[in-house]
Structures are given as C-alpha cells and as structure tokens.
Amino acid sequence: DYGITLTGGGALLRRMDVAIAQATGLH
C-alpha cells in the first residue's frame, strides 16, 4: 500500500527509484 521510500544522497542518483521498482514491482 505505502511502497518504498528512498532517502540519502544516493537516492538522488537518476533512475535509482526506477531500478528498485523494476526489481521489486512496488511503488
């Protein structure tokens, strides 16, 4: 329901959220 939240400087790497979403199928 609530998904995964990324924090820290590494979270600002472009498309990091996309990479994790593709691997987990979560928001």
mmCIF file of all heavy atoms, coordinates in Angstrom:
data_MODEL
# 
_entry.id   MODEL 
# 
loop_
_atom_site.group_PDB 
_atom_site.id 
_atom_site.type_symbol 
_atom_site.label_atom_id 
_atom_site.label_alt_id 
_atom_site.label_comp_id 
_atom_site.label_asym_id 
_atom_site.label_entity_id 
_atom_site.label_seq_id 
_atom_site.pdbx_PDB_ins_code 
_atom_site.Cartn_x 
_atom_site.Cartn_y 
_atom_site.Cartn_z 
_atom_site.occupancy 
_atom_site.B_iso_or_equiv 
_atom_site.pdbx_formal_charge 
_atom_site.auth_seq_id 
_atom_site.auth_comp_id 
_atom_site.auth_asym_id 
_atom_site.auth_atom_id 
_atom_site.pdbx_PDB_model_num 
ATOM 1   N N   . ASP A 1 1  ? 0.813  -1.219 0.000   1.00 0.00 ? 1  ASP A N   1 
ATOM 2   C CA  . ASP A 1 1  ? 0.000  0.000  0.000   1.00 0.00 ? 1  ASP A CA  1 
ATOM 3   C C   . ASP A 1 1  ? 0.847  1.269  0.000   1.00 0.00 ? 1  ASP A C   1 
ATOM 4   O O   . ASP A 1 1  ? 0.532  2.234  -0.703  1.00 0.00 ? 1  ASP A O   1 
ATOM 5   C CB  . ASP A 1 1  ? -0.922 0.014  1.228   1.00 0.00 ? 1  ASP A CB  1 
ATOM 6   C CG  . ASP A 1 1  ? -1.977 -1.081 1.172   1.00 0.00 ? 1  ASP A CG  1 
ATOM 7   O OD1 . ASP A 1 1  ? -2.318 -1.496 0.041   1.00 0.00 ? 1  ASP A OD1 1 
ATOM 8   O OD2 . ASP A 1 1  ? -2.435 -1.522 2.238   1.00 0.00 ? 1  ASP A OD2 1 
ATOM 9   N N   . TYR A 1 2  ? 1.918  1.275  0.813   1.00 0.00 ? 2  TYR A N   1 
ATOM 10  C CA  . TYR A 1 2  ? 2.676  2.516  1.026   1.00 0.00 ? 2  TYR A CA  1 
ATOM 11  C C   . TYR A 1 2  ? 3.985  2.583  0.244   1.00 0.00 ? 2  TYR A C   1 
ATOM 12  O O   . TYR A 1 2  ? 4.593  3.647  0.142   1.00 0.00 ? 2  TYR A O   1 
ATOM 13  C CB  . TYR A 1 2  ? 2.954  2.700  2.528   1.00 0.00 ? 2  TYR A CB  1 
ATOM 14  C CG  . TYR A 1 2  ? 1.696  2.822  3.346   1.00 0.00 ? 2  TYR A CG  1 
ATOM 15  C CD1 . TYR A 1 2  ? 1.267  1.764  4.151   1.00 0.00 ? 2  TYR A CD1 1 
ATOM 16  C CD2 . TYR A 1 2  ? 0.910  3.960  3.295   1.00 0.00 ? 2  TYR A CD2 1 
ATOM 17  C CE1 . TYR A 1 2  ? 0.098  1.853  4.904   1.00 0.00 ? 2  TYR A CE1 1 
ATOM 18  C CE2 . TYR A 1 2  ? -0.259 4.070  4.034   1.00 0.00 ? 2  TYR A CE2 1 
ATOM 19  C CZ  . TYR A 1 2  ? -0.658 3.018  4.831   1.00 0.00 ? 2  TYR A CZ  1 
ATOM 20  O OH  . TYR A 1 2  ? -1.817 3.104  5.561   1.00 0.00 ? 2  TYR A OH  1 
ATOM 21  N N   . GLY A 1 3  ? 4.440  1.461  -0.288  1.00 0.00 ? 3  GLY A N   1 
ATOM 22  C CA  . GLY A 1 3  ? 5.627  1.467  -1.124  1.00 0.00 ? 3  GLY A CA  1 
ATOM 23  C C   . GLY A 1 3  ? 6.927  1.587  -0.346  1.00 0.00 ? 3  GLY A C   1 
ATOM 24  O O   . GLY A 1 3  ? 6.978  1.413  0.878   1.00 0.00 ? 3  GLY A O   1 
ATOM 25  N N   . ILE A 1 4  ? 7.979  1.899  -1.074  1.00 0.00 ? 4  ILE A N   1 
ATOM 26  C CA  . ILE A 1 4  ? 9.335  2.031  -0.515  1.00 0.00 ? 4  ILE A CA  1 
ATOM 27  C C   . ILE A 1 4  ? 9.764  3.484  -0.638  1.00 0.00 ? 4  ILE A C   1 
ATOM 28  O O   . ILE A 1 4  ? 9.575  4.114  -1.682  1.00 0.00 ? 4  ILE A O   1 
ATOM 29  C CB  . ILE A 1 4  ? 10.331 1.123  -1.265  1.00 0.00 ? 4  ILE A CB  1 
ATOM 30  C CG1 . ILE A 1 4  ? 9.902  -0.347 -1.172  1.00 0.00 ? 4  ILE A CG1 1 
ATOM 31  C CG2 . ILE A 1 4  ? 11.751 1.293  -0.742  1.00 0.00 ? 4  ILE A CG2 1 
ATOM 32  C CD1 . ILE A 1 4  ? 10.711 -1.291 -2.059  1.00 0.00 ? 4  ILE A CD1 1 
ATOM 33  N N   . THR A 1 5  ? 10.359 4.020  0.427   1.00 0.00 ? 5  THR A N   1 
ATOM 34  C CA  . THR A 1 5  ? 10.831 5.403  0.420   1.00 0.00 ? 5  THR A CA  1 
ATOM 35  C C   . THR A 1 5  ? 12.363 5.413  0.402   1.00 0.00 ? 5  THR A C   1 
ATOM 36  O O   . THR A 1 5  ? 13.004 4.735  1.215   1.00 0.00 ? 5  THR A O   1 
ATOM 37  C CB  . THR A 1 5  ? 10.326 6.160  1.664   1.00 0.00 ? 5  THR A CB  1 
ATOM 38  O OG1 . THR A 1 5  ? 8.898  6.135  1.671   1.00 0.00 ? 5  THR A OG1 1 
ATOM 39  C CG2 . THR A 1 5  ? 10.803 7.605  1.641   1.00 0.00 ? 5  THR A CG2 1 
ATOM 40  N N   . LEU A 1 6  ? 12.941 6.167  -0.526  1.00 0.00 ? 6  LEU A N   1 
ATOM 41  C CA  . LEU A 1 6  ? 14.399 6.300  -0.640  1.00 0.00 ? 6  LEU A CA  1 
ATOM 42  C C   . LEU A 1 6  ? 14.847 7.613  -0.010  1.00 0.00 ? 6  LEU A C   1 
ATOM 43  O O   . LEU A 1 6  ? 14.234 8.666  -0.247  1.00 0.00 ? 6  LEU A O   1 
ATOM 44  C CB  . LEU A 1 6  ? 14.843 6.279  -2.106  1.00 0.00 ? 6  LEU A CB  1 
ATOM 45  C CG  . LEU A 1 6  ? 14.419 5.084  -2.973  1.00 0.00 ? 6  LEU A CG  1 
ATOM 46  C CD1 . LEU A 1 6  ? 15.061 5.199  -4.352  1.00 0.00 ? 6  LEU A CD1 1 
ATOM 47  C CD2 . LEU A 1 6  ? 14.803 3.772  -2.325  1.00 0.00 ? 6  LEU A CD2 1 
ATOM 48  N N   . THR A 1 7  ? 15.897 7.554  0.795   1.00 0.00 ? 7  THR A N   1 
ATOM 49  C CA  . THR A 1 7  ? 16.481 8.764  1.378   1.00 0.00 ? 7  THR A CA  1 
ATOM 50  C C   . THR A 1 7  ? 17.998 8.714  1.187   1.00 0.00 ? 7  THR A C   1 
ATOM 51  O O   . THR A 1 7  ? 18.550 7.714  0.732   1.00 0.00 ? 7  THR A O   1 
ATOM 52  C CB  . THR A 1 7  ? 16.158 8.882  2.886   1.00 0.00 ? 7  THR A CB  1 
ATOM 53  O OG1 . THR A 1 7  ? 16.814 7.800  3.586   1.00 0.00 ? 7  THR A OG1 1 
ATOM 54  C CG2 . THR A 1 7  ? 14.672 8.815  3.149   1.00 0.00 ? 7  THR A CG2 1 
ATOM 55  N N   . GLY A 1 8  ? 18.673 9.794  1.577   1.00 0.00 ? 8  GLY A N   1 
ATOM 56  C CA  . GLY A 1 8  ? 20.129 9.863  1.441   1.00 0.00 ? 8  GLY A CA  1 
ATOM 57  C C   . GLY A 1 8  ? 20.555 10.399 0.081   1.00 0.00 ? 8  GLY A C   1 
ATOM 58  O O   . GLY A 1 8  ? 19.767 10.439 -0.862  1.00 0.00 ? 8  GLY A O   1 
ATOM 59  N N   . GLY A 1 9  ? 21.814 10.798 -0.005  1.00 0.00 ? 9  GLY A N   1 
ATOM 60  C CA  . GLY A 1 9  ? 22.326 11.358 -1.253  1.00 0.00 ? 9  GLY A CA  1 
ATOM 61  C C   . GLY A 1 9  ? 22.263 10.398 -2.419  1.00 0.00 ? 9  GLY A C   1 
ATOM 62  O O   . GLY A 1 9  ? 22.014 10.796 -3.559  1.00 0.00 ? 9  GLY A O   1 
ATOM 63  N N   . GLY A 1 10 ? 22.465 9.090  -2.161  1.00 0.00 ? 10 GLY A N   1 
ATOM 64  C CA  . GLY A 1 10 ? 22.430 8.098  -3.233  1.00 0.00 ? 10 GLY A CA  1 
ATOM 65  C C   . GLY A 1 10 ? 21.061 7.956  -3.859  1.00 0.00 ? 10 GLY A C   1 
ATOM 66  O O   . GLY A 1 10 ? 20.933 7.510  -5.008  1.00 0.00 ? 10 GLY A O   1 
ATOM 67  N N   . ALA A 1 11 ? 20.014 8.358  -3.117  1.00 0.00 ? 11 ALA A N   1 
ATOM 68  C CA  . ALA A 1 11 ? 18.653 8.291  -3.662  1.00 0.00 ? 11 ALA A CA  1 
ATOM 69  C C   . ALA A 1 11 ? 18.473 9.278  -4.811  1.00 0.00 ? 11 ALA A C   1 
ATOM 70  O O   . ALA A 1 11 ? 17.549 9.138  -5.619  1.00 0.00 ? 11 ALA A O   1 
ATOM 71  C CB  . ALA A 1 11 ? 17.639 8.581  -2.567  1.00 0.00 ? 11 ALA A CB  1 
ATOM 72  N N   . LEU A 1 12 ? 19.358 10.289 -4.881  1.00 0.00 ? 12 LEU A N   1 
ATOM 73  C CA  . LEU A 1 12 ? 19.253 11.314 -5.921  1.00 0.00 ? 12 LEU A CA  1 
ATOM 74  C C   . LEU A 1 12 ? 19.924 10.875 -7.230  1.00 0.00 ? 12 LEU A C   1 
ATOM 75  O O   . LEU A 1 12 ? 19.865 11.610 -8.217  1.00 0.00 ? 12 LEU A O   1 
ATOM 76  C CB  . LEU A 1 12 ? 19.880 12.628 -5.434  1.00 0.00 ? 12 LEU A CB  1 
ATOM 77  C CG  . LEU A 1 12 ? 19.255 13.208 -4.149  1.00 0.00 ? 12 LEU A CG  1 
ATOM 78  C CD1 . LEU A 1 12 ? 19.960 14.494 -3.752  1.00 0.00 ? 12 LEU A CD1 1 
ATOM 79  C CD2 . LEU A 1 12 ? 17.760 13.454 -4.328  1.00 0.00 ? 12 LEU A CD2 1 
ATOM 80  N N   . LEU A 1 13 ? 20.589 9.701  -7.225  1.00 0.00 ? 13 LEU A N   1 
ATOM 81  C CA  . LEU A 1 13 ? 21.126 9.171  -8.474  1.00 0.00 ? 13 LEU A CA  1 
ATOM 82  C C   . LEU A 1 13 ? 19.963 8.941  -9.428  1.00 0.00 ? 13 LEU A C   1 
ATOM 83  O O   . LEU A 1 13 ? 18.963 8.310  -9.062  1.00 0.00 ? 13 LEU A O   1 
ATOM 84  C CB  . LEU A 1 13 ? 21.862 7.852  -8.216  1.00 0.00 ? 13 LEU A CB  1 
ATOM 85  C CG  . LEU A 1 13 ? 22.493 7.185  -9.451  1.00 0.00 ? 13 LEU A CG  1 
ATOM 86  C CD1 . LEU A 1 13 ? 23.700 7.978  -9.934  1.00 0.00 ? 13 LEU A CD1 1 
ATOM 87  C CD2 . LEU A 1 13 ? 22.896 5.743  -9.142  1.00 0.00 ? 13 LEU A CD2 1 
ATOM 88  N N   . ARG A 1 14 ? 20.079 9.457  -10.632 1.00 0.00 ? 14 ARG A N   1 
ATOM 89  C CA  . ARG A 1 14 ? 18.959 9.385  -11.571 1.00 0.00 ? 14 ARG A CA  1 
ATOM 90  C C   . ARG A 1 14 ? 18.509 7.946  -11.819 1.00 0.00 ? 14 ARG A C   1 
ATOM 91  O O   . ARG A 1 14 ? 19.321 7.056  -11.997 1.00 0.00 ? 14 ARG A O   1 
ATOM 92  C CB  . ARG A 1 14 ? 19.350 10.042 -12.898 1.00 0.00 ? 14 ARG A CB  1 
ATOM 93  C CG  . ARG A 1 14 ? 19.270 11.565 -12.837 1.00 0.00 ? 14 ARG A CG  1 
ATOM 94  C CD  . ARG A 1 14 ? 19.549 12.190 -14.163 1.00 0.00 ? 14 ARG A CD  1 
ATOM 95  N NE  . ARG A 1 14 ? 20.879 11.818 -14.641 1.00 0.00 ? 14 ARG A NE  1 
ATOM 96  C CZ  . ARG A 1 14 ? 21.227 11.790 -15.926 1.00 0.00 ? 14 ARG A CZ  1 
ATOM 97  N NH1 . ARG A 1 14 ? 20.353 12.065 -16.856 1.00 0.00 ? 14 ARG A NH1 1 
ATOM 98  N NH2 . ARG A 1 14 ? 22.457 11.474 -16.267 1.00 0.00 ? 14 ARG A NH2 1 
ATOM 99  N N   . ARG A 1 15 ? 17.209 7.754  -11.784 1.00 0.00 ? 15 ARG A N   1 
ATOM 100 C CA  . ARG A 1 15 ? 16.534 6.483  -12.057 1.00 0.00 ? 15 ARG A CA  1 
ATOM 101 C C   . ARG A 1 15 ? 16.841 5.382  -11.035 1.00 0.00 ? 15 ARG A C   1 
ATOM 102 O O   . ARG A 1 15 ? 16.611 4.212  -11.300 1.00 0.00 ? 15 ARG A O   1 
ATOM 103 C CB  . ARG A 1 15 ? 16.835 6.000  -13.483 1.00 0.00 ? 15 ARG A CB  1 
ATOM 104 C CG  . ARG A 1 15 ? 16.326 6.960  -14.552 1.00 0.00 ? 15 ARG A CG  1 
ATOM 105 C CD  . ARG A 1 15 ? 16.229 6.298  -15.914 1.00 0.00 ? 15 ARG A CD  1 
ATOM 106 N NE  . ARG A 1 15 ? 17.505 5.996  -16.515 1.00 0.00 ? 15 ARG A NE  1 
ATOM 107 C CZ  . ARG A 1 15 ? 18.227 6.866  -17.214 1.00 0.00 ? 15 ARG A CZ  1 
ATOM 108 N NH1 . ARG A 1 15 ? 17.789 8.094  -17.400 1.00 0.00 ? 15 ARG A NH1 1 
ATOM 109 N NH2 . ARG A 1 15 ? 19.372 6.527  -17.745 1.00 0.00 ? 15 ARG A NH2 1 
ATOM 110 N N   . MET A 1 16 ? 17.341 5.766  -9.869  1.00 0.00 ? 16 MET A N   1 
ATOM 111 C CA  . MET A 1 16 ? 17.531 4.767  -8.803  1.00 0.00 ? 16 MET A CA  1 
ATOM 112 C C   . MET A 1 16 ? 16.180 4.203  -8.373  1.00 0.00 ? 16 MET A C   1 
ATOM 113 O O   . MET A 1 16 ? 16.035 2.995  -8.137  1.00 0.00 ? 16 MET A O   1 
ATOM 114 C CB  . MET A 1 16 ? 18.258 5.392  -7.602  1.00 0.00 ? 16 MET A CB  1 
ATOM 115 C CG  . MET A 1 16 ? 18.405 4.450  -6.406  1.00 0.00 ? 16 MET A CG  1 
ATOM 116 S SD  . MET A 1 16 ? 19.329 2.938  -6.773  1.00 0.00 ? 16 MET A SD  1 
ATOM 117 C CE  . MET A 1 16 ? 21.004 3.542  -6.562  1.00 0.00 ? 16 MET A CE  1 
ATOM 118 N N   . ASP A 1 17 ? 15.160 5.093  -8.278  1.00 0.00 ? 17 ASP A N   1 
ATOM 119 C CA  . ASP A 1 17 ? 13.831 4.613  -7.909  1.00 0.00 ? 17 ASP A CA  1 
ATOM 120 C C   . ASP A 1 17 ? 13.269 3.664  -8.963  1.00 0.00 ? 17 ASP A C   1 
ATOM 121 O O   . ASP A 1 17 ? 12.607 2.673  -8.642  1.00 0.00 ? 17 ASP A O   1 
ATOM 122 C CB  . ASP A 1 17 ? 12.881 5.797  -7.689  1.00 0.00 ? 17 ASP A CB  1 
ATOM 123 C CG  . ASP A 1 17 ? 12.852 6.776  -8.856  1.00 0.00 ? 17 ASP A CG  1 
ATOM 124 O OD1 . ASP A 1 17 ? 13.772 6.736  -9.696  1.00 0.00 ? 17 ASP A OD1 1 
ATOM 125 O OD2 . ASP A 1 17 ? 11.899 7.579  -8.936  1.00 0.00 ? 17 ASP A OD2 1 
ATOM 126 N N   . VAL A 1 18 ? 13.582 3.929  -10.234 1.00 0.00 ? 18 VAL A N   1 
ATOM 127 C CA  . VAL A 1 18 ? 13.115 3.068  -11.323 1.00 0.00 ? 18 VAL A CA  1 
ATOM 128 C C   . VAL A 1 18 ? 13.759 1.684  -11.216 1.00 0.00 ? 18 VAL A C   1 
ATOM 129 O O   . VAL A 1 18 ? 13.095 0.655  -11.381 1.00 0.00 ? 18 VAL A O   1 
ATOM 130 C CB  . VAL A 1 18 ? 13.431 3.698  -12.696 1.00 0.00 ? 18 VAL A CB  1 
ATOM 131 C CG1 . VAL A 1 18 ? 13.067 2.748  -13.831 1.00 0.00 ? 18 VAL A CG1 1 
ATOM 132 C CG2 . VAL A 1 18 ? 12.681 5.021  -12.846 1.00 0.00 ? 18 VAL A CG2 1 
ATOM 133 N N   . ALA A 1 19 ? 15.070 1.653  -10.914 1.00 0.00 ? 19 ALA A N   1 
ATOM 134 C CA  . ALA A 1 19 ? 15.795 0.379  -10.812 1.00 0.00 ? 19 ALA A CA  1 
ATOM 135 C C   . ALA A 1 19 ? 15.203 -0.500 -9.708  1.00 0.00 ? 19 ALA A C   1 
ATOM 136 O O   . ALA A 1 19 ? 15.018 -1.709 -9.894  1.00 0.00 ? 19 ALA A O   1 
ATOM 137 C CB  . ALA A 1 19 ? 17.278 0.640  -10.543 1.00 0.00 ? 19 ALA A CB  1 
ATOM 138 N N   . ILE A 1 20 ? 14.897 0.102  -8.553  1.00 0.00 ? 20 ILE A N   1 
ATOM 139 C CA  . ILE A 1 20 ? 14.342 -0.671 -7.437  1.00 0.00 ? 20 ILE A CA  1 
ATOM 140 C C   . ILE A 1 20 ? 12.899 -1.082 -7.731  1.00 0.00 ? 20 ILE A C   1 
ATOM 141 O O   . ILE A 1 20 ? 12.479 -2.199 -7.418  1.00 0.00 ? 20 ILE A O   1 
ATOM 142 C CB  . ILE A 1 20 ? 14.445 0.141  -6.126  1.00 0.00 ? 20 ILE A CB  1 
ATOM 143 C CG1 . ILE A 1 20 ? 15.922 0.342  -5.762  1.00 0.00 ? 20 ILE A CG1 1 
ATOM 144 C CG2 . ILE A 1 20 ? 13.706 -0.564 -4.980  1.00 0.00 ? 20 ILE A CG2 1 
ATOM 145 C CD1 . ILE A 1 20 ? 16.166 1.206  -4.548  1.00 0.00 ? 20 ILE A CD1 1 
ATOM 146 N N   . ALA A 1 21 ? 12.130 -0.189 -8.379  1.00 0.00 ? 21 ALA A N   1 
ATOM 147 C CA  . ALA A 1 21 ? 10.735 -0.508 -8.724  1.00 0.00 ? 21 ALA A CA  1 
ATOM 148 C C   . ALA A 1 21 ? 10.678 -1.668 -9.709  1.00 0.00 ? 21 ALA A C   1 
ATOM 149 O O   . ALA A 1 21 ? 9.819  -2.558 -9.587  1.00 0.00 ? 21 ALA A O   1 
ATOM 150 C CB  . ALA A 1 21 ? 10.052 0.721  -9.306  1.00 0.00 ? 21 ALA A CB  1 
ATOM 151 N N   . GLN A 1 22 ? 11.587 -1.681 -10.682 1.00 0.00 ? 22 GLN A N   1 
ATOM 152 C CA  . GLN A 1 22 ? 11.614 -2.774 -11.662 1.00 0.00 ? 22 GLN A CA  1 
ATOM 153 C C   . GLN A 1 22 ? 11.945 -4.106 -11.000 1.00 0.00 ? 22 GLN A C   1 
ATOM 154 O O   . GLN A 1 22 ? 11.410 -5.155 -11.379 1.00 0.00 ? 22 GLN A O   1 
ATOM 155 C CB  . GLN A 1 22 ? 12.637 -2.461 -12.757 1.00 0.00 ? 22 GLN A CB  1 
ATOM 156 C CG  . GLN A 1 22 ? 12.198 -1.362 -13.722 1.00 0.00 ? 22 GLN A CG  1 
ATOM 157 C CD  . GLN A 1 22 ? 13.283 -1.009 -14.731 1.00 0.00 ? 22 GLN A CD  1 
ATOM 158 O OE1 . GLN A 1 22 ? 14.443 -1.412 -14.609 1.00 0.00 ? 22 GLN A OE1 1 
ATOM 159 N NE2 . GLN A 1 22 ? 12.911 -0.239 -15.753 1.00 0.00 ? 22 GLN A NE2 1 
ATOM 160 N N   . ALA A 1 23 ? 12.825 -4.071 -9.999  1.00 0.00 ? 23 ALA A N   1 
ATOM 161 C CA  . ALA A 1 23 ? 13.259 -5.316 -9.348  1.00 0.00 ? 23 ALA A CA  1 
ATOM 162 C C   . ALA A 1 23 ? 12.235 -5.848 -8.356  1.00 0.00 ? 23 ALA A C   1 
ATOM 163 O O   . ALA A 1 23 ? 12.174 -7.057 -8.107  1.00 0.00 ? 23 ALA A O   1 
ATOM 164 C CB  . ALA A 1 23 ? 14.589 -5.088 -8.640  1.00 0.00 ? 23 ALA A CB  1 
ATOM 165 N N   . THR A 1 24 ? 11.429 -4.960 -7.767  1.00 0.00 ? 24 THR A N   1 
ATOM 166 C CA  . THR A 1 24 ? 10.509 -5.376 -6.699  1.00 0.00 ? 24 THR A CA  1 
ATOM 167 C C   . THR A 1 24 ? 9.037  -5.369 -7.119  1.00 0.00 ? 24 THR A C   1 
ATOM 168 O O   . THR A 1 24 ? 8.219  -6.033 -6.478  1.00 0.00 ? 24 THR A O   1 
ATOM 169 C CB  . THR A 1 24 ? 10.654 -4.452 -5.479  1.00 0.00 ? 24 THR A CB  1 
ATOM 170 O OG1 . THR A 1 24 ? 10.317 -3.102 -5.865  1.00 0.00 ? 24 THR A OG1 1 
ATOM 171 C CG2 . THR A 1 24 ? 12.074 -4.481 -4.940  1.00 0.00 ? 24 THR A CG2 1 
ATOM 172 N N   . GLY A 1 25 ? 8.701  -4.601 -8.158  1.00 0.00 ? 25 GLY A N   1 
ATOM 173 C CA  . GLY A 1 25 ? 7.307  -4.475 -8.557  1.00 0.00 ? 25 GLY A CA  1 
ATOM 174 C C   . GLY A 1 25 ? 6.490  -3.602 -7.627  1.00 0.00 ? 25 GLY A C   1 
ATOM 175 O O   . GLY A 1 25 ? 5.261  -3.577 -7.691  1.00 0.00 ? 25 GLY A O   1 
ATOM 176 N N   . LEU A 1 26 ? 7.171  -2.843 -6.739  1.00 0.00 ? 26 LEU A N   1 
ATOM 177 C CA  . LEU A 1 26 ? 6.484  -1.968 -5.786  1.00 0.00 ? 26 LEU A CA  1 
ATOM 178 C C   . LEU A 1 26 ? 6.632  -0.502 -6.180  1.00 0.00 ? 26 LEU A C   1 
ATOM 179 O O   . LEU A 1 26 ? 7.530  -0.140 -6.945  1.00 0.00 ? 26 LEU A O   1 
ATOM 180 C CB  . LEU A 1 26 ? 7.069  -2.166 -4.379  1.00 0.00 ? 26 LEU A CB  1 
ATOM 181 C CG  . LEU A 1 26 ? 6.911  -3.557 -3.768  1.00 0.00 ? 26 LEU A CG  1 
ATOM 182 C CD1 . LEU A 1 26 ? 7.757  -3.679 -2.513  1.00 0.00 ? 26 LEU A CD1 1 
ATOM 183 C CD2 . LEU A 1 26 ? 5.444  -3.834 -3.442  1.00 0.00 ? 26 LEU A CD2 1 
ATOM 184 N N   . HIS A 1 27 ? 5.761  0.326  -5.616  1.00 0.00 ? 27 HIS A N   1 
ATOM 185 C CA  . HIS A 1 27 ? 5.880  1.769  -5.828  1.00 0.00 ? 27 HIS A CA  1 
ATOM 186 C C   . HIS A 1 27 ? 7.081  2.282  -5.024  1.00 0.00 ? 27 HIS A C   1 
ATOM 187 O O   . HIS A 1 27 ? 7.227  1.954  -3.840  1.00 0.00 ? 27 HIS A O   1 
ATOM 188 C CB  . HIS A 1 27 ? 4.608  2.476  -5.369  1.00 0.00 ? 27 HIS A CB  1 
ATOM 189 C CG  . HIS A 1 27 ? 4.721  3.967  -5.366  1.00 0.00 ? 27 HIS A CG  1 
ATOM 190 N ND1 . HIS A 1 27 ? 4.897  4.711  -6.521  1.00 0.00 ? 27 HIS A ND1 1 
ATOM 191 C CD2 . HIS A 1 27 ? 4.707  4.859  -4.344  1.00 0.00 ? 27 HIS A CD2 1 
ATOM 192 C CE1 . HIS A 1 27 ? 4.971  5.985  -6.215  1.00 0.00 ? 27 HIS A CE1 1 
ATOM 193 N NE2 . HIS A 1 27 ? 4.859  6.105  -4.898  1.00 0.00 ? 27 HIS A NE2 1 
# 
